[in-house]
Amino acid sequence: MAGPGPLAGGLDYTFSDASLLASALVHSSRIAEEEGMVSNERLEFLGDAVLQLAVTQYLYETYPDLPEGQMAKIRAAVVSEPALAEVAADLGLGEALALGKGEESTGGREKPSILSDAMEAVLGAVFLDGGFAQARRVILGRWRRLVDERVQAPGARDYKTRLQEVLARQGLDPPRYEVRGEGPDHGRVFTAVVHAAGEAVGSGTGTSKKRAQQDAARRVLESGRWAD
């Protein structure tokens, strides 16, 4: 295991009991190979509940006019596996995981299911170490923007999907994205270049690969080259 490293700094939280963070990073595939280790599954279960409550409370307090059904849809979207995996990737969590040899050899550090489960486990560890107020602060530091963006357009299709549909109507292949990242793990900025019709047609930036791709697709759509 590479160790927590910059992960703790990216969380903006200092553990009183560092063993809690270490436990949160142990995948079930590792426990069969190292005696005495315990998987992060129980912390994952706890962290899921903490995340759900923190997001629910934020929605309830920040958007008093939002109906219950809409709040439920927004919460489901931002605590989903893809959203959790995105936050985990931003934190560089994959590099800190303790994996078994099998998962290590099959790219487990980048699997969304493993990353999302570990992210929940880390949140569970923060809750146990610092209480709900600290866990909520950590969560909102990473999820507030995701929630706010979803509130503004909870039913909107994402730009990547829209661009792919536009190109399909023109008889063109789906767009291809090239992404590169720069800067330290806790403040990494990604740039995405989108290729379509055999050439680079736009670029965008973001704090994750996904956001950079979305920004690039948005810019292409707004350029008016192809009608949406």
C-alpha atoms as a PDB file:
ATOM      1  CA  MET A   1       0.000   0.000   0.000  1.00  0.00           C
ATOM      2  CA  ALA A   2       1.304   3.437  -0.901  1.00  0.00           C
ATOM      3  CA  GLY A   3      -0.140   4.908   2.314  1.00  0.00           C
ATOM      4  CA  PRO A   4      -2.535   7.825   2.873  1.00  0.00           C
ATOM      5  CA  GLY A   5      -0.009  10.335   1.494  1.00  0.00           C
ATOM      6  CA  PRO A   6      -1.693  13.440   0.036  1.00  0.00           C
ATOM      7  CA  LEU A   7      -5.137  11.913   0.581  1.00  0.00           C
ATOM      8  CA  ALA A   8      -5.431  13.302   4.105  1.00  0.00           C
ATOM      9  CA  GLY A   9      -4.457  16.772   2.899  1.00  0.00           C
ATOM     10  CA  GLY A  10      -6.976  16.595   0.082  1.00  0.00           C
ATOM     11  CA  LEU A  11      -9.684  15.767   2.581  1.00  0.00           C
ATOM     12  CA  ASP A  12      -8.798  18.907   4.568  1.00  0.00           C
ATOM     13  CA  TYR A  13      -8.950  16.819   7.717  1.00  0.00           C
ATOM     14  CA  THR A  14      -6.295  15.611  10.158  1.00  0.00           C
ATOM     15  CA  PHE A  15      -7.016  12.297  11.863  1.00  0.00           C
ATOM     16  CA  SER A  16      -6.467  11.986  15.600  1.00  0.00           C
ATOM     17  CA  ASP A  17      -6.432   8.232  15.082  1.00  0.00           C
ATOM     18  CA  ALA A  18      -4.580   7.567  11.842  1.00  0.00           C
ATOM     19  CA  SER A  19      -5.397   3.866  12.078  1.00  0.00           C
ATOM     20  CA  LEU A  20      -8.999   4.680  11.137  1.00  0.00           C
ATOM     21  CA  LEU A  21      -7.898   6.078   7.795  1.00  0.00           C
ATOM     22  CA  ALA A  22      -5.609   3.116   7.228  1.00  0.00           C
ATOM     23  CA  SER A  23      -8.512   0.747   7.923  1.00  0.00           C
ATOM     24  CA  ALA A  24     -10.717   2.597   5.468  1.00  0.00           C
ATOM     25  CA  LEU A  25      -8.225   1.843   2.697  1.00  0.00           C
ATOM     26  CA  VAL A  26      -8.168  -1.958   3.113  1.00  0.00           C
ATOM     27  CA  HIS A  27     -10.088  -3.696   0.337  1.00  0.00           C
ATOM     28  CA  SER A  28     -11.591  -7.109   1.022  1.00  0.00           C
ATOM     29  CA  SER A  29      -9.230  -8.694  -1.520  1.00  0.00           C
ATOM     30  CA  ARG A  30      -6.289  -7.933   0.772  1.00  0.00           C
ATOM     31  CA  ILE A  31      -7.459  -9.611   3.970  1.00  0.00           C
ATOM     32  CA  ALA A  32      -6.960 -13.130   2.614  1.00  0.00           C
ATOM     33  CA  GLU A  33      -3.301 -12.324   1.995  1.00  0.00           C
ATOM     34  CA  GLU A  34      -2.335 -10.593   5.225  1.00  0.00           C
ATOM     35  CA  GLU A  35      -3.244 -12.015   8.615  1.00  0.00           C
ATOM     36  CA  GLY A  36      -4.912  -9.651  11.063  1.00  0.00           C
ATOM     37  CA  MET A  37      -6.207  -7.173   8.513  1.00  0.00           C
ATOM     38  CA  VAL A  38      -9.888  -6.223   8.438  1.00  0.00           C
ATOM     39  CA  SER A  39     -11.644  -4.980   5.306  1.00  0.00           C
ATOM     40  CA  ASN A  40     -13.223  -1.550   5.023  1.00  0.00           C
ATOM     41  CA  GLU A  41     -16.731  -2.934   4.463  1.00  0.00           C
ATOM     42  CA  ARG A  42     -18.131  -1.937   7.873  1.00  0.00           C
ATOM     43  CA  LEU A  43     -16.697   1.563   7.548  1.00  0.00           C
ATOM     44  CA  GLU A  44     -18.191   1.718   4.055  1.00  0.00           C
ATOM     45  CA  PHE A  45     -21.635   0.900   5.483  1.00  0.00           C
ATOM     46  CA  LEU A  46     -21.268   3.667   8.067  1.00  0.00           C
ATOM     47  CA  GLY A  47     -19.889   6.198   5.619  1.00  0.00           C
ATOM     48  CA  ASP A  48     -22.779   5.678   3.226  1.00  0.00           C
ATOM     49  CA  ALA A  49     -25.239   6.677   5.961  1.00  0.00           C
ATOM     50  CA  VAL A  50     -23.142   9.706   6.973  1.00  0.00           C
ATOM     51  CA  LEU A  51     -22.899  10.902   3.368  1.00  0.00           C
ATOM     52  CA  GLN A  52     -26.622  10.474   2.799  1.00  0.00           C
ATOM     53  CA  LEU A  53     -27.444  12.462   5.931  1.00  0.00           C
ATOM     54  CA  ALA A  54     -24.977  15.262   5.205  1.00  0.00           C
ATOM     55  CA  VAL A  55     -26.270  15.724   1.655  1.00  0.00           C
ATOM     56  CA  THR A  56     -29.889  15.507   2.793  1.00  0.00           C
ATOM     57  CA  GLN A  57     -29.350  18.114   5.512  1.00  0.00           C
ATOM     58  CA  TYR A  58     -27.595  20.433   3.071  1.00  0.00           C
ATOM     59  CA  LEU A  59     -30.427  20.139   0.543  1.00  0.00           C
ATOM     60  CA  TYR A  60     -33.071  20.644   3.233  1.00  0.00           C
ATOM     61  CA  GLU A  61     -31.421  23.736   4.715  1.00  0.00           C
ATOM     62  CA  THR A  62     -30.130  25.353   1.512  1.00  0.00           C
ATOM     63  CA  TYR A  63     -33.115  24.794  -0.789  1.00  0.00           C
ATOM     64  CA  PRO A  64     -36.305  25.209   1.309  1.00  0.00           C
ATOM     65  CA  ASP A  65     -38.538  25.318  -1.768  1.00  0.00           C
ATOM     66  CA  LEU A  66     -37.247  22.089  -3.289  1.00  0.00           C
ATOM     67  CA  PRO A  67     -39.880  19.328  -3.102  1.00  0.00           C
ATOM     68  CA  GLU A  68     -39.092  16.001  -1.455  1.00  0.00           C
ATOM     69  CA  GLY A  69     -39.162  14.052  -4.701  1.00  0.00           C
ATOM     70  CA  GLN A  70     -36.654  16.364  -6.344  1.00  0.00           C
ATOM     71  CA  MET A  71     -34.381  16.264  -3.318  1.00  0.00           C
ATOM     72  CA  ALA A  72     -34.425  12.473  -3.450  1.00  0.00           C
ATOM     73  CA  LYS A  73     -33.420  12.460  -7.132  1.00  0.00           C
ATOM     74  CA  ILE A  74     -30.595  14.923  -6.594  1.00  0.00           C
ATOM     75  CA  ARG A  75     -29.287  13.026  -3.579  1.00  0.00           C
ATOM     76  CA  ALA A  76     -29.364   9.742  -5.486  1.00  0.00           C
ATOM     77  CA  ALA A  77     -27.342  11.298  -8.302  1.00  0.00           C
ATOM     78  CA  VAL A  78     -24.604  12.816  -6.150  1.00  0.00           C
ATOM     79  CA  VAL A  79     -24.100   9.839  -3.831  1.00  0.00           C
ATOM     80  CA  SER A  80     -24.051   7.355  -6.717  1.00  0.00           C
ATOM     81  CA  GLU A  81     -21.100   5.140  -7.574  1.00  0.00           C
ATOM     82  CA  PRO A  82     -19.906   7.394 -10.428  1.00  0.00           C
ATOM     83  CA  ALA A  83     -19.995  10.514  -8.236  1.00  0.00           C
ATOM     84  CA  LEU A  84     -18.198   8.789  -5.358  1.00  0.00           C
ATOM     85  CA  ALA A  85     -15.584   7.355  -7.700  1.00  0.00           C
ATOM     86  CA  GLU A  86     -15.012  10.791  -9.224  1.00  0.00           C
ATOM     87  CA  VAL A  87     -14.373  12.355  -5.816  1.00  0.00           C
ATOM     88  CA  ALA A  88     -12.126   9.430  -4.871  1.00  0.00           C
ATOM     89  CA  ALA A  89     -10.119   9.839  -8.075  1.00  0.00           C
ATOM     90  CA  ASP A  90      -9.738  13.572  -7.425  1.00  0.00           C
ATOM     91  CA  LEU A  91      -8.259  12.720  -4.018  1.00  0.00           C
ATOM     92  CA  GLY A  92      -5.853  10.156  -5.457  1.00  0.00           C
ATOM     93  CA  LEU A  93      -7.460   7.559  -3.210  1.00  0.00           C
ATOM     94  CA  GLY A  94      -6.732   4.681  -5.579  1.00  0.00           C
ATOM     95  CA  GLU A  95      -2.990   4.968  -5.030  1.00  0.00           C
ATOM     96  CA  ALA A  96      -3.437   4.623  -1.265  1.00  0.00           C
ATOM     97  CA  LEU A  97      -5.547   1.445  -1.313  1.00  0.00           C
ATOM     98  CA  ALA A  98      -4.401  -1.852   0.149  1.00  0.00           C
ATOM     99  CA  LEU A  99      -5.425  -4.381  -2.510  1.00  0.00           C
ATOM    100  CA  GLY A 100      -4.915  -8.078  -3.001  1.00  0.00           C
ATOM    101  CA  LYS A 101      -2.614  -9.208  -5.790  1.00  0.00           C
ATOM    102  CA  GLY A 102      -5.551 -10.195  -7.994  1.00  0.00           C
ATOM    103  CA  GLU A 103      -7.200  -6.781  -7.842  1.00  0.00           C
ATOM    104  CA  GLU A 104      -3.844  -5.099  -8.190  1.00  0.00           C
ATOM    105  CA  SER A 105      -3.116  -6.968 -11.404  1.00  0.00           C
ATOM    106  CA  THR A 106      -6.532  -6.186 -12.912  1.00  0.00           C
ATOM    107  CA  GLY A 107      -6.509  -2.433 -12.366  1.00  0.00           C
ATOM    108  CA  GLY A 108      -8.373  -2.376  -9.070  1.00  0.00           C
ATOM    109  CA  ARG A 109      -7.001   1.052  -8.184  1.00  0.00           C
ATOM    110  CA  GLU A 110      -9.074   2.567 -10.983  1.00  0.00           C
ATOM    111  CA  LYS A 111     -12.261   0.492 -10.669  1.00  0.00           C
ATOM    112  CA  PRO A 112     -15.246   2.758  -9.887  1.00  0.00           C
ATOM    113  CA  SER A 113     -16.827   0.157  -7.591  1.00  0.00           C
ATOM    114  CA  ILE A 114     -13.691  -0.138  -5.443  1.00  0.00           C
ATOM    115  CA  LEU A 115     -13.060   3.604  -5.404  1.00  0.00           C
ATOM    116  CA  SER A 116     -16.638   4.456  -4.461  1.00  0.00           C
ATOM    117  CA  ASP A 117     -16.742   1.900  -1.650  1.00  0.00           C
ATOM    118  CA  ALA A 118     -13.422   3.132  -0.285  1.00  0.00           C
ATOM    119  CA  MET A 119     -14.605   6.736  -0.449  1.00  0.00           C
ATOM    120  CA  GLU A 120     -17.577   5.855   1.733  1.00  0.00           C
ATOM    121  CA  ALA A 121     -15.260   4.018   4.120  1.00  0.00           C
ATOM    122  CA  VAL A 122     -13.028   7.092   4.412  1.00  0.00           C
ATOM    123  CA  LEU A 123     -16.070   9.221   5.262  1.00  0.00           C
ATOM    124  CA  GLY A 124     -17.049   6.664   7.881  1.00  0.00           C
ATOM    125  CA  ALA A 125     -13.552   6.932   9.337  1.00  0.00           C
ATOM    126  CA  VAL A 126     -13.794  10.735   9.507  1.00  0.00           C
ATOM    127  CA  PHE A 127     -17.129  10.418  11.301  1.00  0.00           C
ATOM    128  CA  LEU A 128     -15.729   8.039  13.905  1.00  0.00           C
ATOM    129  CA  ASP A 129     -12.649  10.180  14.411  1.00  0.00           C
ATOM    130  CA  GLY A 130     -14.181  13.652  14.493  1.00  0.00           C
ATOM    131  CA  GLY A 131     -17.944  13.339  14.728  1.00  0.00           C
ATOM    132  CA  PHE A 132     -20.709  14.363  12.356  1.00  0.00           C
ATOM    133  CA  ALA A 133     -19.857  18.072  12.256  1.00  0.00           C
ATOM    134  CA  GLN A 134     -16.384  17.335  10.914  1.00  0.00           C
ATOM    135  CA  ALA A 135     -17.654  14.664   8.544  1.00  0.00           C
ATOM    136  CA  ARG A 136     -20.262  17.071   7.187  1.00  0.00           C
ATOM    137  CA  ARG A 137     -17.609  19.748   6.666  1.00  0.00           C
ATOM    138  CA  VAL A 138     -15.410  17.305   4.750  1.00  0.00           C
ATOM    139  CA  ILE A 139     -18.355  16.092   2.674  1.00  0.00           C
ATOM    140  CA  LEU A 140     -19.578  19.565   1.760  1.00  0.00           C
ATOM    141  CA  GLY A 141     -16.046  20.557   0.839  1.00  0.00           C
ATOM    142  CA  ARG A 142     -16.183  17.910  -1.879  1.00  0.00           C
ATOM    143  CA  TRP A 143     -19.899  17.551  -2.633  1.00  0.00           C
ATOM    144  CA  ARG A 144     -21.379  21.048  -2.341  1.00  0.00           C
ATOM    145  CA  ARG A 145     -20.638  21.950  -5.941  1.00  0.00           C
ATOM    146  CA  LEU A 146     -21.936  18.609  -7.212  1.00  0.00           C
ATOM    147  CA  VAL A 147     -25.205  19.159  -5.343  1.00  0.00           C
ATOM    148  CA  ASP A 148     -25.575  22.775  -6.441  1.00  0.00           C
ATOM    149  CA  GLU A 149     -24.932  21.911 -10.078  1.00  0.00           C
ATOM    150  CA  ARG A 150     -27.515  19.158  -9.905  1.00  0.00           C
ATOM    151  CA  VAL A 151     -30.086  21.461  -8.323  1.00  0.00           C
ATOM    152  CA  GLN A 152     -29.674  23.966 -11.144  1.00  0.00           C
ATOM    153  CA  ALA A 153     -30.297  21.353 -13.849  1.00  0.00           C
ATOM    154  CA  PRO A 154     -31.355  18.075 -12.196  1.00  0.00           C
ATOM    155  CA  GLY A 155     -32.903  16.659 -15.355  1.00  0.00           C
ATOM    156  CA  ALA A 156     -30.505  17.989 -17.944  1.00  0.00           C
ATOM    157  CA  ARG A 157     -28.532  15.632 -20.139  1.00  0.00           C
ATOM    158  CA  ASP A 158     -24.792  15.982 -19.751  1.00  0.00           C
ATOM    159  CA  TYR A 159     -22.812  17.778 -22.463  1.00  0.00           C
ATOM    160  CA  LYS A 160     -20.886  14.661 -23.503  1.00  0.00           C
ATOM    161  CA  THR A 161     -24.120  12.817 -24.215  1.00  0.00           C
ATOM    162  CA  ARG A 162     -25.552  15.781 -26.102  1.00  0.00           C
ATOM    163  CA  LEU A 163     -22.442  16.111 -28.253  1.00  0.00           C
ATOM    164  CA  GLN A 164     -22.451  12.414 -29.065  1.00  0.00           C
ATOM    165  CA  GLU A 165     -26.110  12.628 -30.097  1.00  0.00           C
ATOM    166  CA  VAL A 166     -25.448  15.684 -32.275  1.00  0.00           C
ATOM    167  CA  LEU A 167     -22.580  13.939 -34.054  1.00  0.00           C
ATOM    168  CA  ALA A 168     -24.652  10.808 -34.542  1.00  0.00           C
ATOM    169  CA  ARG A 169     -27.342  12.843 -36.293  1.00  0.00           C
ATOM    170  CA  GLN A 170     -24.618  14.072 -38.655  1.00  0.00           C
ATOM    171  CA  GLY A 171     -23.554  10.490 -39.352  1.00  0.00           C
ATOM    172  CA  LEU A 172     -20.265  10.959 -37.486  1.00  0.00           C
ATOM    173  CA  ASP A 173     -18.501   8.671 -35.032  1.00  0.00           C
ATOM    174  CA  PRO A 174     -18.667   9.374 -31.288  1.00  0.00           C
ATOM    175  CA  PRO A 175     -16.198  12.010 -30.035  1.00  0.00           C
ATOM    176  CA  ARG A 176     -12.871  10.945 -28.562  1.00  0.00           C
ATOM    177  CA  TYR A 177     -11.263  12.690 -25.575  1.00  0.00           C
ATOM    178  CA  GLU A 178      -7.607  13.109 -24.668  1.00  0.00           C
ATOM    179  CA  VAL A 179      -7.047  14.181 -21.070  1.00  0.00           C
ATOM    180  CA  ARG A 180      -3.917  15.259 -19.221  1.00  0.00           C
ATOM    181  CA  GLY A 181      -3.480  16.434 -15.652  1.00  0.00           C
ATOM    182  CA  GLU A 182      -1.093  18.951 -14.134  1.00  0.00           C
ATOM    183  CA  GLY A 183      -0.264  20.003 -10.590  1.00  0.00           C
ATOM    184  CA  PRO A 184      -0.126  18.274  -7.184  1.00  0.00           C
ATOM    185  CA  ASP A 185      -2.548  15.475  -6.313  1.00  0.00           C
ATOM    186  CA  HIS A 186      -4.566  17.682  -3.966  1.00  0.00           C
ATOM    187  CA  GLY A 187      -4.898  20.498  -6.517  1.00  0.00           C
ATOM    188  CA  ARG A 188      -4.696  18.780  -9.869  1.00  0.00           C
ATOM    189  CA  VAL A 189      -6.160  20.509 -12.940  1.00  0.00           C
ATOM    190  CA  PHE A 190      -7.136  18.485 -15.990  1.00  0.00           C
ATOM    191  CA  THR A 191      -7.317  19.579 -19.609  1.00  0.00           C
ATOM    192  CA  ALA A 192      -9.407  17.637 -22.130  1.00  0.00           C
ATOM    193  CA  VAL A 193      -9.198  17.884 -25.901  1.00  0.00           C
ATOM    194  CA  VAL A 194     -12.164  16.529 -27.832  1.00  0.00           C
ATOM    195  CA  HIS A 195     -11.658  15.022 -31.288  1.00  0.00           C
ATOM    196  CA  ALA A 196     -14.454  14.650 -33.820  1.00  0.00           C
ATOM    197  CA  ALA A 197     -14.658  14.334 -37.597  1.00  0.00           C
ATOM    198  CA  GLY A 198     -10.955  13.518 -37.663  1.00  0.00           C
ATOM    199  CA  GLU A 199      -9.689  16.636 -35.891  1.00  0.00           C
ATOM    200  CA  ALA A 200      -9.425  18.402 -32.550  1.00  0.00           C
ATOM    201  CA  VAL A 201     -12.547  20.546 -32.256  1.00  0.00           C
ATOM    202  CA  GLY A 202     -12.382  21.935 -28.747  1.00  0.00           C
ATOM    203  CA  SER A 203     -10.870  21.778 -25.288  1.00  0.00           C
ATOM    204  CA  GLY A 204     -11.878  22.333 -21.685  1.00  0.00           C
ATOM    205  CA  THR A 205     -10.559  22.225 -18.146  1.00  0.00           C
ATOM    206  CA  GLY A 206     -11.763  20.935 -14.783  1.00  0.00           C
ATOM    207  CA  THR A 207     -10.766  19.565 -11.396  1.00  0.00           C
ATOM    208  CA  SER A 208     -11.351  15.998 -12.610  1.00  0.00           C
ATOM    209  CA  LYS A 209     -11.121  14.147 -15.905  1.00  0.00           C
ATOM    210  CA  LYS A 210     -14.895  13.967 -16.138  1.00  0.00           C
ATOM    211  CA  ARG A 211     -15.390  17.686 -15.564  1.00  0.00           C
ATOM    212  CA  ALA A 212     -12.712  18.564 -18.093  1.00  0.00           C
ATOM    213  CA  GLN A 213     -14.420  16.361 -20.688  1.00  0.00           C
ATOM    214  CA  GLN A 214     -17.795  17.927 -19.903  1.00  0.00           C
ATOM    215  CA  ASP A 215     -16.323  21.413 -20.258  1.00  0.00           C
ATOM    216  CA  ALA A 216     -14.737  20.504 -23.592  1.00  0.00           C
ATOM    217  CA  ALA A 217     -18.013  19.068 -24.908  1.00  0.00           C
ATOM    218  CA  ARG A 218     -19.897  22.161 -23.709  1.00  0.00           C
ATOM    219  CA  ARG A 219     -17.511  24.464 -25.543  1.00  0.00           C
ATOM    220  CA  VAL A 220     -17.893  22.482 -28.769  1.00  0.00           C
ATOM    221  CA  LEU A 221     -21.675  22.622 -28.526  1.00  0.00           C
ATOM    222  CA  GLU A 222     -21.646  26.358 -27.788  1.00  0.00           C
ATOM    223  CA  SER A 223     -19.312  27.017 -30.715  1.00  0.00           C
ATOM    224  CA  GLY A 224     -22.222  26.376 -33.075  1.00  0.00           C
ATOM    225  CA  ARG A 225     -20.217  24.143 -35.396  1.00  0.00           C
ATOM    226  CA  TRP A 226     -22.937  21.521 -35.093  1.00  0.00           C
ATOM    227  CA  ALA A 227     -26.519  22.411 -34.231  1.00  0.00           C
ATOM    228  CA  ASP A 228     -27.743  20.879 -30.966  1.00  0.00           C
END
